[in-house]
Amino acid sequence: SFITQAFDNAQARAAQNTQLAQLSGDPAIVEAVGRLRGWDFSMPTGIPEGFDGFDVGAPPFPRSGKEVANSIAATLY
């Protein structure tokens, strides 16, 4: 995505620019970009009480770690 590419560009130029170095070294930014890298662009609710189109029956629905991770990444995006 353009966000992960921008982050990669910032890391590549960090030695030349103090602001880019700070941004690309910020642990929260690094974590957020890492979550976006693993995102498959799905947008599940990520919570047992939420309903997704593929759910069958009534809540609560068990959620996999991947569904939770995709929900977080979609929220960040």
PDB file of N, CA and C in Angstrom:
ATOM      1  N   SER A   1       0.841  -1.185   0.000  1.00  0.00           N
ATOM      2  CA  SER A   1       0.000   0.000   0.000  1.00  0.00           C
ATOM      3  C   SER A   1       0.881   1.242   0.000  1.00  0.00           C
ATOM      4  N   PHE A   2       0.290   2.370  -0.291  1.00  0.00           N
ATOM      5  CA  PHE A   2       1.072   3.601  -0.349  1.00  0.00           C
ATOM      6  C   PHE A   2       1.625   3.970   1.020  1.00  0.00           C
ATOM      7  N   ILE A   3       0.961   3.558   2.097  1.00  0.00           N
ATOM      8  CA  ILE A   3       1.452   3.871   3.447  1.00  0.00           C
ATOM      9  C   ILE A   3       2.737   3.098   3.735  1.00  0.00           C
ATOM     10  N   THR A   4       2.744   1.808   3.441  1.00  0.00           N
ATOM     11  CA  THR A   4       3.947   1.018   3.703  1.00  0.00           C
ATOM     12  C   THR A   4       5.093   1.463   2.795  1.00  0.00           C
ATOM     13  N   GLN A   5       4.779   1.845   1.563  1.00  0.00           N
ATOM     14  CA  GLN A   5       5.823   2.342   0.658  1.00  0.00           C
ATOM     15  C   GLN A   5       6.390   3.657   1.168  1.00  0.00           C
ATOM     16  N   ALA A   6       5.536   4.535   1.666  1.00  0.00           N
ATOM     17  CA  ALA A   6       6.004   5.810   2.223  1.00  0.00           C
ATOM     18  C   ALA A   6       6.900   5.569   3.433  1.00  0.00           C
ATOM     19  N   PHE A   7       6.533   4.600   4.262  1.00  0.00           N
ATOM     20  CA  PHE A   7       7.350   4.269   5.428  1.00  0.00           C
ATOM     21  C   PHE A   7       8.713   3.743   4.988  1.00  0.00           C
ATOM     22  N   ASP A   8       8.716   2.847   4.007  1.00  0.00           N
ATOM     23  CA  ASP A   8       9.981   2.312   3.488  1.00  0.00           C
ATOM     24  C   ASP A   8      10.855   3.435   2.925  1.00  0.00           C
ATOM     25  N   ASN A   9      10.230   4.371   2.221  1.00  0.00           N
ATOM     26  CA  ASN A   9      10.978   5.512   1.683  1.00  0.00           C
ATOM     27  C   ASN A   9      11.555   6.360   2.810  1.00  0.00           C
ATOM     28  N   ALA A  10      10.776   6.554   3.872  1.00  0.00           N
ATOM     29  CA  ALA A  10      11.255   7.333   5.020  1.00  0.00           C
ATOM     30  C   ALA A  10      12.448   6.646   5.673  1.00  0.00           C
ATOM     31  N   GLN A  11      12.373   5.331   5.831  1.00  0.00           N
ATOM     32  CA  GLN A  11      13.495   4.599   6.421  1.00  0.00           C
ATOM     33  C   GLN A  11      14.739   4.708   5.543  1.00  0.00           C
ATOM     34  N   ALA A  12      14.552   4.638   4.243  1.00  0.00           N
ATOM     35  CA  ALA A  12      15.689   4.703   3.321  1.00  0.00           C
ATOM     36  C   ALA A  12      16.364   6.078   3.350  1.00  0.00           C
ATOM     37  N   ARG A  13      15.598   7.100   3.670  1.00  0.00           N
ATOM     38  CA  ARG A  13      16.143   8.464   3.676  1.00  0.00           C
ATOM     39  C   ARG A  13      16.384   8.990   5.088  1.00  0.00           C
ATOM     40  N   ALA A  14      16.227   8.154   6.091  1.00  0.00           N
ATOM     41  CA  ALA A  14      16.329   8.592   7.485  1.00  0.00           C
ATOM     42  C   ALA A  14      17.682   9.217   7.810  1.00  0.00           C
ATOM     43  N   ALA A  15      18.743   8.704   7.228  1.00  0.00           N
ATOM     44  CA  ALA A  15      20.075   9.237   7.519  1.00  0.00           C
ATOM     45  C   ALA A  15      20.243  10.661   6.990  1.00  0.00           C
ATOM     46  N   GLN A  16      19.424  11.026   6.027  1.00  0.00           N
ATOM     47  CA  GLN A  16      19.531  12.350   5.412  1.00  0.00           C
ATOM     48  C   GLN A  16      18.609  13.386   6.056  1.00  0.00           C
ATOM     49  N   ASN A  17      17.651  12.936   6.870  1.00  0.00           N
ATOM     50  CA  ASN A  17      16.635  13.853   7.380  1.00  0.00           C
ATOM     51  C   ASN A  17      16.253  13.464   8.804  1.00  0.00           C
ATOM     52  N   THR A  18      16.415  14.372   9.738  1.00  0.00           N
ATOM     53  CA  THR A  18      16.140  14.097  11.147  1.00  0.00           C
ATOM     54  C   THR A  18      14.674  13.762  11.387  1.00  0.00           C
ATOM     55  N   GLN A  19      13.766  14.471  10.724  1.00  0.00           N
ATOM     56  CA  GLN A  19      12.339  14.211  10.918  1.00  0.00           C
ATOM     57  C   GLN A  19      11.958  12.817  10.432  1.00  0.00           C
ATOM     58  N   LEU A  20      12.494  12.413   9.293  1.00  0.00           N
ATOM     59  CA  LEU A  20      12.211  11.070   8.788  1.00  0.00           C
ATOM     60  C   LEU A  20      12.800  10.011   9.712  1.00  0.00           C
ATOM     61  N   ALA A  21      13.959  10.289  10.261  1.00  0.00           N
ATOM     62  CA  ALA A  21      14.583   9.347  11.195  1.00  0.00           C
ATOM     63  C   ALA A  21      13.710   9.178  12.432  1.00  0.00           C
ATOM     64  N   GLN A  22      13.181  10.279  12.957  1.00  0.00           N
ATOM     65  CA  GLN A  22      12.314  10.201  14.135  1.00  0.00           C
ATOM     66  C   GLN A  22      11.028   9.451  13.814  1.00  0.00           C
ATOM     67  N   LEU A  23      10.426   9.768  12.687  1.00  0.00           N
ATOM     68  CA  LEU A  23       9.182   9.120  12.285  1.00  0.00           C
ATOM     69  C   LEU A  23       9.375   7.621  12.086  1.00  0.00           C
ATOM     70  N   SER A  24      10.381   7.255  11.320  1.00  0.00           N
ATOM     71  CA  SER A  24      10.574   5.839  11.000  1.00  0.00           C
ATOM     72  C   SER A  24      11.129   5.044  12.178  1.00  0.00           C
ATOM     73  N   GLY A  25      11.556   5.735  13.230  1.00  0.00           N
ATOM     74  CA  GLY A  25      12.039   5.050  14.426  1.00  0.00           C
ATOM     75  C   GLY A  25      11.043   5.024  15.566  1.00  0.00           C
ATOM     76  N   ASP A  26       9.909   5.692  15.393  1.00  0.00           N
ATOM     77  CA  ASP A  26       8.881   5.741  16.437  1.00  0.00           C
ATOM     78  C   ASP A  26       8.246   4.356  16.586  1.00  0.00           C
ATOM     79  N   PRO A  27       8.312   3.738  17.786  1.00  0.00           N
ATOM     80  CA  PRO A  27       7.776   2.386  17.967  1.00  0.00           C
ATOM     81  C   PRO A  27       6.299   2.251  17.592  1.00  0.00           C
ATOM     82  N   ALA A  28       5.501   3.266  17.850  1.00  0.00           N
ATOM     83  CA  ALA A  28       4.075   3.193  17.508  1.00  0.00           C
ATOM     84  C   ALA A  28       3.873   3.189  15.993  1.00  0.00           C
ATOM     85  N   ILE A  29       4.662   3.984  15.288  1.00  0.00           N
ATOM     86  CA  ILE A  29       4.579   4.023  13.823  1.00  0.00           C
ATOM     87  C   ILE A  29       5.066   2.699  13.240  1.00  0.00           C
ATOM     88  N   VAL A  30       6.157   2.192  13.775  1.00  0.00           N
ATOM     89  CA  VAL A  30       6.700   0.908  13.310  1.00  0.00           C
ATOM     90  C   VAL A  30       5.659  -0.199  13.500  1.00  0.00           C
ATOM     91  N   GLU A  31       4.997  -0.220  14.667  1.00  0.00           N
ATOM     92  CA  GLU A  31       3.972  -1.239  14.919  1.00  0.00           C
ATOM     93  C   GLU A  31       2.796  -1.088  13.963  1.00  0.00           C
ATOM     94  N   ALA A  32       2.322   0.134  13.781  1.00  0.00           N
ATOM     95  CA  ALA A  32       1.176   0.366  12.895  1.00  0.00           C
ATOM     96  C   ALA A  32       1.484  -0.066  11.463  1.00  0.00           C
ATOM     97  N   VAL A  33       2.644   0.289  10.964  1.00  0.00           N
ATOM     98  CA  VAL A  33       3.017  -0.090   9.598  1.00  0.00           C
ATOM     99  C   VAL A  33       3.168  -1.610   9.497  1.00  0.00           C
ATOM    100  N   GLY A  34       3.708  -2.230  10.532  1.00  0.00           N
ATOM    101  CA  GLY A  34       3.812  -3.692  10.548  1.00  0.00           C
ATOM    102  C   GLY A  34       2.454  -4.358  10.467  1.00  0.00           C
ATOM    103  N   ARG A  35       1.483  -3.789  11.168  1.00  0.00           N
ATOM    104  CA  ARG A  35       0.117  -4.331  11.102  1.00  0.00           C
ATOM    105  C   ARG A  35      -0.468  -4.162   9.700  1.00  0.00           C
ATOM    106  N   LEU A  36      -0.213  -3.031   9.077  1.00  0.00           N
ATOM    107  CA  LEU A  36      -0.716  -2.804   7.718  1.00  0.00           C
ATOM    108  C   LEU A  36      -0.047  -3.735   6.711  1.00  0.00           C
ATOM    109  N   ARG A  37       1.224  -4.066   6.929  1.00  0.00           N
ATOM    110  CA  ARG A  37       1.925  -4.994   6.022  1.00  0.00           C
ATOM    111  C   ARG A  37       1.263  -6.373   6.002  1.00  0.00           C
ATOM    112  N   GLY A  38       0.753  -6.815   7.151  1.00  0.00           N
ATOM    113  CA  GLY A  38       0.145  -8.136   7.230  1.00  0.00           C
ATOM    114  C   GLY A  38      -1.328  -8.167   6.863  1.00  0.00           C
ATOM    115  N   TRP A  39      -1.899  -7.025   6.543  1.00  0.00           N
ATOM    116  CA  TRP A  39      -3.331  -6.901   6.278  1.00  0.00           C
ATOM    117  C   TRP A  39      -3.694  -7.444   4.909  1.00  0.00           C
ATOM    118  N   ASP A  40      -4.775  -8.220   4.842  1.00  0.00           N
ATOM    119  CA  ASP A  40      -5.241  -8.751   3.558  1.00  0.00           C
ATOM    120  C   ASP A  40      -6.376  -7.908   2.962  1.00  0.00           C
ATOM    121  N   PHE A  41      -6.605  -6.727   3.514  1.00  0.00           N
ATOM    122  CA  PHE A  41      -7.615  -5.768   3.067  1.00  0.00           C
ATOM    123  C   PHE A  41      -9.046  -6.209   3.362  1.00  0.00           C
ATOM    124  N   SER A  42      -9.210  -7.246   4.177  1.00  0.00           N
ATOM    125  CA  SER A  42     -10.550  -7.579   4.653  1.00  0.00           C
ATOM    126  C   SER A  42     -10.861  -6.670   5.839  1.00  0.00           C
ATOM    127  N   MET A  43     -12.138  -6.588   6.198  1.00  0.00           N
ATOM    128  CA  MET A  43     -12.537  -5.691   7.282  1.00  0.00           C
ATOM    129  C   MET A  43     -13.482  -6.382   8.259  1.00  0.00           C
ATOM    130  N   PRO A  44     -13.032  -7.474   8.896  1.00  0.00           N
ATOM    131  CA  PRO A  44     -13.890  -8.147   9.862  1.00  0.00           C
ATOM    132  C   PRO A  44     -14.056  -7.294  11.121  1.00  0.00           C
ATOM    133  N   THR A  45     -15.126  -7.564  11.866  1.00  0.00           N
ATOM    134  CA  THR A  45     -15.343  -6.799  13.098  1.00  0.00           C
ATOM    135  C   THR A  45     -14.257  -7.075  14.116  1.00  0.00           C
ATOM    136  N   GLY A  46     -13.787  -8.313  14.175  1.00  0.00           N
ATOM    137  CA  GLY A  46     -12.718  -8.659  15.105  1.00  0.00           C
ATOM    138  C   GLY A  46     -13.170  -8.928  16.524  1.00  0.00           C
ATOM    139  N   ILE A  47     -14.467  -8.798  16.791  1.00  0.00           N
ATOM    140  CA  ILE A  47     -14.974  -9.057  18.145  1.00  0.00           C
ATOM    141  C   ILE A  47     -16.045 -10.141  18.096  1.00  0.00           C
ATOM    142  N   PRO A  48     -16.165 -10.948  19.150  1.00  0.00           N
ATOM    143  CA  PRO A  48     -17.143 -12.040  19.155  1.00  0.00           C
ATOM    144  C   PRO A  48     -18.585 -11.565  18.980  1.00  0.00           C
ATOM    145  N   GLU A  49     -18.898 -10.364  19.447  1.00  0.00           N
ATOM    146  CA  GLU A  49     -20.266  -9.858  19.382  1.00  0.00           C
ATOM    147  C   GLU A  49     -20.612  -9.270  18.018  1.00  0.00           C
ATOM    148  N   GLY A  50     -19.596  -9.030  17.189  1.00  0.00           N
ATOM    149  CA  GLY A  50     -19.825  -8.414  15.885  1.00  0.00           C
ATOM    150  C   GLY A  50     -20.296  -9.434  14.865  1.00  0.00           C
ATOM    151  N   PHE A  51     -21.026  -8.973  13.850  1.00  0.00           N
ATOM    152  CA  PHE A  51     -21.498  -9.858  12.794  1.00  0.00           C
ATOM    153  C   PHE A  51     -20.772  -9.524  11.502  1.00  0.00           C
ATOM    154  N   ASP A  52     -20.187 -10.546  10.903  1.00  0.00           N
ATOM    155  CA  ASP A  52     -19.552 -10.424   9.594  1.00  0.00           C
ATOM    156  C   ASP A  52     -20.358 -11.250   8.603  1.00  0.00           C
ATOM    157  N   GLY A  53     -20.298 -10.905   7.330  1.00  0.00           N
ATOM    158  CA  GLY A  53     -21.090 -11.575   6.307  1.00  0.00           C
ATOM    159  C   GLY A  53     -20.894 -13.075   6.228  1.00  0.00           C
ATOM    160  N   PHE A  54     -19.753 -13.568   6.639  1.00  0.00           N
ATOM    161  CA  PHE A  54     -19.478 -15.008   6.571  1.00  0.00           C
ATOM    162  C   PHE A  54     -19.911 -15.747   7.831  1.00  0.00           C
ATOM    163  N   ASP A  55     -20.403 -15.034   8.858  1.00  0.00           N
ATOM    164  CA  ASP A  55     -20.831 -15.673  10.105  1.00  0.00           C
ATOM    165  C   ASP A  55     -22.147 -16.418   9.904  1.00  0.00           C
ATOM    166  N   VAL A  56     -22.272 -17.546  10.590  1.00  0.00           N
ATOM    167  CA  VAL A  56     -23.486 -18.348  10.539  1.00  0.00           C
ATOM    168  C   VAL A  56     -24.003 -18.497  11.960  1.00  0.00           C
ATOM    169  N   GLY A  57     -25.299 -18.293  12.149  1.00  0.00           N
ATOM    170  CA  GLY A  57     -25.881 -18.429  13.478  1.00  0.00           C
ATOM    171  C   GLY A  57     -25.959 -17.091  14.182  1.00  0.00           C
ATOM    172  N   ALA A  58     -25.908 -17.166  15.501  1.00  0.00           N
ATOM    173  CA  ALA A  58     -26.028 -15.962  16.328  1.00  0.00           C
ATOM    174  C   ALA A  58     -24.761 -15.775  17.154  1.00  0.00           C
ATOM    175  N   PRO A  59     -24.470 -14.532  17.530  1.00  0.00           N
ATOM    176  CA  PRO A  59     -23.281 -14.273  18.348  1.00  0.00           C
ATOM    177  C   PRO A  59     -23.371 -14.993  19.686  1.00  0.00           C
ATOM    178  N   PRO A  60     -22.256 -15.221  20.350  1.00  0.00           N
ATOM    179  CA  PRO A  60     -20.913 -14.769  19.987  1.00  0.00           C
ATOM    180  C   PRO A  60     -20.254 -15.685  18.956  1.00  0.00           C
ATOM    181  N   PHE A  61     -19.438 -15.085  18.129  1.00  0.00           N
ATOM    182  CA  PHE A  61     -18.703 -15.806  17.097  1.00  0.00           C
ATOM    183  C   PHE A  61     -17.226 -15.851  17.481  1.00  0.00           C
ATOM    184  N   PRO A  62     -16.626 -17.032  17.479  1.00  0.00           N
ATOM    185  CA  PRO A  62     -15.187 -17.077  17.777  1.00  0.00           C
ATOM    186  C   PRO A  62     -14.412 -16.365  16.667  1.00  0.00           C
ATOM    187  N   ARG A  63     -13.389 -15.622  17.044  1.00  0.00           N
ATOM    188  CA  ARG A  63     -12.575 -14.887  16.073  1.00  0.00           C
ATOM    189  C   ARG A  63     -11.154 -15.430  16.088  1.00  0.00           C
ATOM    190  N   SER A  64     -10.613 -15.623  14.912  1.00  0.00           N
ATOM    191  CA  SER A  64      -9.227 -16.083  14.814  1.00  0.00           C
ATOM    192  C   SER A  64      -8.291 -14.899  15.034  1.00  0.00           C
ATOM    193  N   GLY A  65      -7.048 -15.212  15.309  1.00  0.00           N
ATOM    194  CA  GLY A  65      -6.051 -14.158  15.448  1.00  0.00           C
ATOM    195  C   GLY A  65      -5.922 -13.336  14.178  1.00  0.00           C
ATOM    196  N   LYS A  66      -6.058 -13.987  13.025  1.00  0.00           N
ATOM    197  CA  LYS A  66      -5.969 -13.281  11.739  1.00  0.00           C
ATOM    198  C   LYS A  66      -7.127 -12.301  11.577  1.00  0.00           C
ATOM    199  N   GLU A  67      -8.340 -12.710  11.987  1.00  0.00           N
ATOM    200  CA  GLU A  67      -9.485 -11.800  11.898  1.00  0.00           C
ATOM    201  C   GLU A  67      -9.284 -10.580  12.789  1.00  0.00           C
ATOM    202  N   VAL A  68      -8.788 -10.810  13.994  1.00  0.00           N
ATOM    203  CA  VAL A  68      -8.532  -9.701  14.916  1.00  0.00           C
ATOM    204  C   VAL A  68      -7.468  -8.777  14.333  1.00  0.00           C
ATOM    205  N   ALA A  69      -6.396  -9.360  13.808  1.00  0.00           N
ATOM    206  CA  ALA A  69      -5.321  -8.559  13.217  1.00  0.00           C
ATOM    207  C   ALA A  69      -5.826  -7.750  12.026  1.00  0.00           C
ATOM    208  N   ASN A  70      -6.665  -8.356  11.183  1.00  0.00           N
ATOM    209  CA  ASN A  70      -7.217  -7.637  10.035  1.00  0.00           C
ATOM    210  C   ASN A  70      -8.155  -6.524  10.476  1.00  0.00           C
ATOM    211  N   SER A  71      -8.900  -6.752  11.541  1.00  0.00           N
ATOM    212  CA  SER A  71      -9.779  -5.716  12.079  1.00  0.00           C
ATOM    213  C   SER A  71      -8.971  -4.515  12.567  1.00  0.00           C
ATOM    214  N   ILE A  72      -7.885  -4.792  13.270  1.00  0.00           N
ATOM    215  CA  ILE A  72      -7.025  -3.708  13.771  1.00  0.00           C
ATOM    216  C   ILE A  72      -6.409  -2.939  12.605  1.00  0.00           C
ATOM    217  N   ALA A  73      -5.903  -3.663  11.617  1.00  0.00           N
ATOM    218  CA  ALA A  73      -5.283  -3.001  10.461  1.00  0.00           C
ATOM    219  C   ALA A  73      -6.303  -2.150   9.703  1.00  0.00           C
ATOM    220  N   ALA A  74      -7.516  -2.664   9.534  1.00  0.00           N
ATOM    221  CA  ALA A  74      -8.558  -1.890   8.846  1.00  0.00           C
ATOM    222  C   ALA A  74      -8.888  -0.626   9.622  1.00  0.00           C
ATOM    223  N   THR A  75      -8.900  -0.717  10.941  1.00  0.00           N
ATOM    224  CA  THR A  75      -9.154   0.458  11.775  1.00  0.00           C
ATOM    225  C   THR A  75      -8.033   1.478  11.617  1.00  0.00           C
ATOM    226  N   LEU A  76      -6.795   1.014  11.596  1.00  0.00           N
ATOM    227  CA  LEU A  76      -5.666   1.922  11.410  1.00  0.00           C
ATOM    228  C   LEU A  76      -5.727   2.615  10.055  1.00  0.00           C
ATOM    229  N   TYR A  77      -6.097   1.850   9.044  1.00  0.00           N
ATOM    230  CA  TYR A  77      -6.138   2.402   7.700  1.00  0.00           C
ATOM    231  C   TYR A  77      -7.188   3.484   7.592  1.00  0.00           C
TER     232      TYR A  77
END
